Amino acid sequence: MTTIQLTPNLAAFIDEAGALDQEIKRLTKQLDTMKAKIKAEGAGDFGGFVFNVKVIDSDREITDWKTIAEKFQPSYQLISAHTTKSIVQSIRFVKA
């Protein structure tokens, strides 16, 4: 990992972004809890004072293609021929 010298503007920008990241995580957790309570009421239309919500139950089929492919015991060469590599850049905020 390369450490670069931060300018005061960049340091302040990073701190602001980190604070937003923490607030978004807190709000997302709060929203997920609220959604779970609403979903626990079951499918249907529900109304608040400002917003309405529709809870929908739907059937979904998921095929585990990885397990199916493994049953055919593909060779390392076949897997390599169909594997792509790329660089993925991400950001993780950690309190100093």
N, C-alpha and C. Protein backbone atom coordinates (compact mmCIF):
# COMPACT_ATOMS: atom_id res chain seq x y z
N MET A 1 0.84 -1.17 0.00
CA MET A 1 0.00 0.00 0.00
C MET A 1 0.89 1.23 0.00
N THR A 2 0.58 2.18 -0.83
CA THR A 2 1.34 3.41 -0.94
C THR A 2 0.69 4.49 -0.09
N THR A 3 1.51 5.15 0.74
CA THR A 3 1.01 6.26 1.53
C THR A 3 1.44 7.54 0.85
N ILE A 4 0.50 8.45 0.64
CA ILE A 4 0.83 9.72 0.02
C ILE A 4 0.62 10.84 1.01
N GLN A 5 1.29 11.93 0.80
CA GLN A 5 1.15 13.09 1.66
C GLN A 5 -0.19 13.76 1.35
N LEU A 6 -1.01 13.91 2.37
CA LEU A 6 -2.32 14.50 2.16
C LEU A 6 -2.27 16.01 2.32
N THR A 7 -3.01 16.67 1.47
CA THR A 7 -3.18 18.11 1.63
C THR A 7 -4.31 18.31 2.64
N PRO A 8 -4.36 19.47 3.29
CA PRO A 8 -5.46 19.71 4.24
C PRO A 8 -6.84 19.56 3.58
N ASN A 9 -6.97 19.99 2.33
CA ASN A 9 -8.26 19.85 1.64
C ASN A 9 -8.64 18.39 1.44
N LEU A 10 -7.67 17.55 1.05
CA LEU A 10 -7.95 16.14 0.82
C LEU A 10 -8.26 15.44 2.15
N ALA A 11 -7.53 15.80 3.20
CA ALA A 11 -7.78 15.20 4.52
C ALA A 11 -9.19 15.53 4.99
N ALA A 12 -9.61 16.76 4.83
CA ALA A 12 -10.96 17.17 5.24
C ALA A 12 -12.01 16.45 4.39
N PHE A 13 -11.72 16.30 3.10
CA PHE A 13 -12.63 15.61 2.18
C PHE A 13 -12.78 14.14 2.60
N ILE A 14 -11.66 13.49 2.95
CA ILE A 14 -11.69 12.09 3.40
C ILE A 14 -12.50 11.97 4.69
N ASP A 15 -12.28 12.90 5.63
CA ASP A 15 -13.04 12.86 6.89
C ASP A 15 -14.53 13.02 6.64
N GLU A 16 -14.90 13.92 5.75
CA GLU A 16 -16.32 14.13 5.44
C GLU A 16 -16.92 12.89 4.79
N ALA A 17 -16.17 12.29 3.86
CA ALA A 17 -16.65 11.07 3.19
C ALA A 17 -16.78 9.93 4.20
N GLY A 18 -15.85 9.81 5.12
CA GLY A 18 -15.91 8.77 6.14
C GLY A 18 -17.11 8.96 7.05
N ALA A 19 -17.39 10.20 7.42
CA ALA A 19 -18.56 10.49 8.26
C ALA A 19 -19.85 10.13 7.53
N LEU A 20 -19.92 10.45 6.24
CA LEU A 20 -21.10 10.09 5.44
C LEU A 20 -21.25 8.58 5.35
N ASP A 21 -20.13 7.88 5.16
CA ASP A 21 -20.15 6.43 5.07
C ASP A 21 -20.71 5.83 6.36
N GLN A 22 -20.27 6.32 7.51
CA GLN A 22 -20.78 5.82 8.78
C GLN A 22 -22.28 6.11 8.94
N GLU A 23 -22.70 7.30 8.55
CA GLU A 23 -24.11 7.66 8.67
C GLU A 23 -24.97 6.80 7.75
N ILE A 24 -24.50 6.55 6.54
CA ILE A 24 -25.24 5.71 5.59
C ILE A 24 -25.37 4.30 6.15
N LYS A 25 -24.30 3.75 6.71
CA LYS A 25 -24.36 2.41 7.30
C LYS A 25 -25.35 2.37 8.45
N ARG A 26 -25.34 3.40 9.30
CA ARG A 26 -26.27 3.46 10.43
C ARG A 26 -27.71 3.53 9.92
N LEU A 27 -27.96 4.39 8.93
CA LEU A 27 -29.31 4.54 8.40
C LEU A 27 -29.77 3.28 7.66
N THR A 28 -28.86 2.63 6.95
CA THR A 28 -29.20 1.40 6.24
C THR A 28 -29.61 0.31 7.23
N LYS A 29 -28.88 0.19 8.33
CA LYS A 29 -29.22 -0.80 9.34
C LYS A 29 -30.61 -0.48 9.94
N GLN A 30 -30.85 0.80 10.21
CA GLN A 30 -32.14 1.22 10.76
C GLN A 30 -33.27 0.92 9.77
N LEU A 31 -33.05 1.23 8.48
CA LEU A 31 -34.06 0.98 7.46
C LEU A 31 -34.32 -0.51 7.30
N ASP A 32 -33.28 -1.33 7.32
CA ASP A 32 -33.45 -2.78 7.19
C ASP A 32 -34.30 -3.33 8.33
N THR A 33 -34.10 -2.82 9.54
CA THR A 33 -34.90 -3.24 10.69
C THR A 33 -36.36 -2.85 10.49
N MET A 34 -36.59 -1.64 10.02
CA MET A 34 -37.96 -1.17 9.79
C MET A 34 -38.64 -1.98 8.69
N LYS A 35 -37.91 -2.26 7.60
CA LYS A 35 -38.48 -3.06 6.51
C LYS A 35 -38.85 -4.45 7.00
N ALA A 36 -38.01 -5.04 7.85
CA ALA A 36 -38.30 -6.37 8.38
C ALA A 36 -39.60 -6.37 9.18
N LYS A 37 -39.83 -5.30 9.97
CA LYS A 37 -41.07 -5.21 10.75
C LYS A 37 -42.28 -5.10 9.82
N ILE A 38 -42.15 -4.32 8.76
CA ILE A 38 -43.25 -4.17 7.80
C ILE A 38 -43.51 -5.50 7.09
N LYS A 39 -42.44 -6.17 6.64
CA LYS A 39 -42.59 -7.45 5.94
C LYS A 39 -43.23 -8.50 6.84
N ALA A 40 -42.99 -8.40 8.15
CA ALA A 40 -43.55 -9.38 9.09
C ALA A 40 -45.08 -9.32 9.11
N GLU A 41 -45.65 -8.23 8.62
CA GLU A 41 -47.12 -8.11 8.55
C GLU A 41 -47.69 -8.93 7.40
N GLY A 42 -46.83 -9.37 6.49
CA GLY A 42 -47.28 -10.16 5.35
C GLY A 42 -47.51 -9.30 4.13
N ALA A 43 -47.90 -9.98 3.04
CA ALA A 43 -48.12 -9.28 1.77
C ALA A 43 -49.35 -8.40 1.87
N GLY A 44 -49.28 -7.26 1.17
CA GLY A 44 -50.43 -6.36 1.13
C GLY A 44 -50.00 -4.92 0.98
N ASP A 45 -50.99 -4.05 0.93
CA ASP A 45 -50.78 -2.61 0.84
C ASP A 45 -51.00 -2.00 2.22
N PHE A 46 -50.07 -1.15 2.62
CA PHE A 46 -50.15 -0.52 3.93
C PHE A 46 -49.92 0.97 3.76
N GLY A 47 -50.58 1.76 4.56
CA GLY A 47 -50.46 3.20 4.44
C GLY A 47 -50.01 3.86 5.72
N GLY A 48 -49.10 4.79 5.56
CA GLY A 48 -48.70 5.64 6.66
C GLY A 48 -49.42 6.97 6.51
N PHE A 49 -48.90 8.00 7.15
CA PHE A 49 -49.50 9.33 7.02
C PHE A 49 -48.98 10.04 5.77
N VAL A 50 -47.75 9.70 5.35
CA VAL A 50 -47.14 10.36 4.19
C VAL A 50 -46.85 9.37 3.07
N PHE A 51 -46.43 8.16 3.43
CA PHE A 51 -46.04 7.17 2.44
C PHE A 51 -46.93 5.94 2.52
N ASN A 52 -47.10 5.27 1.39
CA ASN A 52 -47.74 3.96 1.32
C ASN A 52 -46.66 2.95 0.96
N VAL A 53 -46.92 1.69 1.32
CA VAL A 53 -45.96 0.63 1.00
C VAL A 53 -46.72 -0.58 0.49
N LYS A 54 -46.12 -1.30 -0.41
CA LYS A 54 -46.69 -2.53 -0.94
C LYS A 54 -45.68 -3.64 -0.64
N VAL A 55 -46.13 -4.66 0.09
CA VAL A 55 -45.30 -5.83 0.38
C VAL A 55 -45.74 -6.92 -0.57
N ILE A 56 -44.81 -7.42 -1.33
CA ILE A 56 -45.11 -8.41 -2.38
C ILE A 56 -44.35 -9.69 -2.10
N ASP A 57 -45.05 -10.81 -2.11
CA ASP A 57 -44.42 -12.13 -2.06
C ASP A 57 -44.30 -12.62 -3.50
N SER A 58 -43.13 -13.11 -3.87
CA SER A 58 -42.97 -13.64 -5.23
C SER A 58 -42.14 -14.91 -5.19
N ASP A 59 -42.48 -15.83 -6.08
CA ASP A 59 -41.73 -17.08 -6.20
C ASP A 59 -40.50 -16.82 -7.06
N ARG A 60 -39.42 -17.45 -6.67
CA ARG A 60 -38.17 -17.25 -7.40
C ARG A 60 -37.43 -18.58 -7.46
N GLU A 61 -36.92 -18.90 -8.62
CA GLU A 61 -36.10 -20.10 -8.78
C GLU A 61 -34.66 -19.67 -8.99
N ILE A 62 -33.76 -20.32 -8.28
CA ILE A 62 -32.34 -20.01 -8.41
C ILE A 62 -31.61 -21.31 -8.73
N THR A 63 -30.86 -21.30 -9.81
CA THR A 63 -30.08 -22.46 -10.21
C THR A 63 -28.64 -22.26 -9.79
N ASP A 64 -28.10 -23.23 -9.10
CA ASP A 64 -26.71 -23.19 -8.64
C ASP A 64 -25.81 -23.73 -9.75
N TRP A 65 -25.48 -22.86 -10.71
CA TRP A 65 -24.71 -23.27 -11.87
C TRP A 65 -23.30 -23.72 -11.51
N LYS A 66 -22.74 -23.15 -10.45
CA LYS A 66 -21.38 -23.55 -10.03
C LYS A 66 -21.37 -25.02 -9.62
N THR A 67 -22.35 -25.45 -8.84
CA THR A 67 -22.42 -26.84 -8.41
C THR A 67 -22.66 -27.76 -9.60
N ILE A 68 -23.51 -27.35 -10.51
CA ILE A 68 -23.75 -28.15 -11.71
C ILE A 68 -22.47 -28.31 -12.52
N ALA A 69 -21.75 -27.21 -12.72
CA ALA A 69 -20.51 -27.25 -13.49
C ALA A 69 -19.48 -28.16 -12.82
N GLU A 70 -19.41 -28.10 -11.48
CA GLU A 70 -18.43 -28.93 -10.76
C GLU A 70 -18.72 -30.41 -10.92
N LYS A 71 -19.98 -30.79 -11.12
CA LYS A 71 -20.34 -32.20 -11.33
C LYS A 71 -19.71 -32.75 -12.61
N PHE A 72 -19.43 -31.86 -13.58
CA PHE A 72 -18.81 -32.28 -14.84
C PHE A 72 -17.30 -32.32 -14.75
N GLN A 73 -16.74 -31.94 -13.60
CA GLN A 73 -15.30 -31.95 -13.34
C GLN A 73 -14.50 -31.32 -14.48
N PRO A 74 -14.70 -30.02 -14.72
CA PRO A 74 -13.97 -29.36 -15.81
C PRO A 74 -12.46 -29.32 -15.50
N SER A 75 -11.67 -29.35 -16.55
CA SER A 75 -10.22 -29.31 -16.38
C SER A 75 -9.76 -27.91 -15.97
N TYR A 76 -8.57 -27.84 -15.41
CA TYR A 76 -7.99 -26.56 -15.03
C TYR A 76 -7.85 -25.67 -16.27
N GLN A 77 -7.48 -26.26 -17.41
CA GLN A 77 -7.32 -25.50 -18.64
C GLN A 77 -8.65 -24.89 -19.09
N LEU A 78 -9.72 -25.65 -18.99
CA LEU A 78 -11.03 -25.13 -19.39
C LEU A 78 -11.45 -23.99 -18.48
N ILE A 79 -11.24 -24.15 -17.19
CA ILE A 79 -11.57 -23.08 -16.24
C ILE A 79 -10.73 -21.85 -16.53
N SER A 80 -9.42 -22.04 -16.74
CA SER A 80 -8.52 -20.92 -17.03
C SER A 80 -8.91 -20.19 -18.31
N ALA A 81 -9.33 -20.95 -19.30
CA ALA A 81 -9.70 -20.34 -20.58
C ALA A 81 -10.92 -19.44 -20.46
N HIS A 82 -11.73 -19.68 -19.45
CA HIS A 82 -12.96 -18.91 -19.28
C HIS A 82 -12.95 -18.06 -18.01
N THR A 83 -11.75 -17.76 -17.53
CA THR A 83 -11.58 -16.93 -16.35
C THR A 83 -10.94 -15.62 -16.75
N THR A 84 -11.53 -14.52 -16.32
CA THR A 84 -10.95 -13.22 -16.60
C THR A 84 -10.44 -12.61 -15.30
N LYS A 85 -9.40 -11.81 -15.41
CA LYS A 85 -8.83 -11.13 -14.26
C LYS A 85 -8.91 -9.63 -14.51
N SER A 86 -9.19 -8.89 -13.46
CA SER A 86 -9.22 -7.44 -13.57
C SER A 86 -8.85 -6.85 -12.21
N ILE A 87 -8.49 -5.61 -12.25
CA ILE A 87 -8.20 -4.89 -11.02
C ILE A 87 -9.47 -4.21 -10.55
N VAL A 88 -9.83 -4.43 -9.31
CA VAL A 88 -11.00 -3.82 -8.72
C VAL A 88 -10.52 -2.88 -7.62
N GLN A 89 -10.93 -1.64 -7.71
CA GLN A 89 -10.52 -0.66 -6.72
C GLN A 89 -11.68 -0.40 -5.78
N SER A 90 -11.41 -0.38 -4.49
CA SER A 90 -12.46 -0.14 -3.52
C SER A 90 -11.95 0.80 -2.44
N ILE A 91 -12.88 1.32 -1.66
CA ILE A 91 -12.54 2.22 -0.57
C ILE A 91 -13.14 1.66 0.71
N ARG A 92 -12.36 1.64 1.77
CA ARG A 92 -12.85 1.23 3.08
C ARG A 92 -12.42 2.29 4.08
N PHE A 93 -13.38 2.86 4.77
CA PHE A 93 -13.09 3.89 5.77
C PHE A 93 -12.84 3.23 7.11
N VAL A 94 -11.78 3.65 7.81
CA VAL A 94 -11.44 3.17 9.13
C VAL A 94 -11.13 4.37 9.99
N LYS A 95 -11.75 4.43 11.16
CA LYS A 95 -11.48 5.57 12.04
C LYS A 95 -10.03 5.57 12.48
N ALA A 96 -9.40 6.74 12.43
CA ALA A 96 -7.99 6.86 12.81
C ALA A 96 -7.82 6.84 14.31
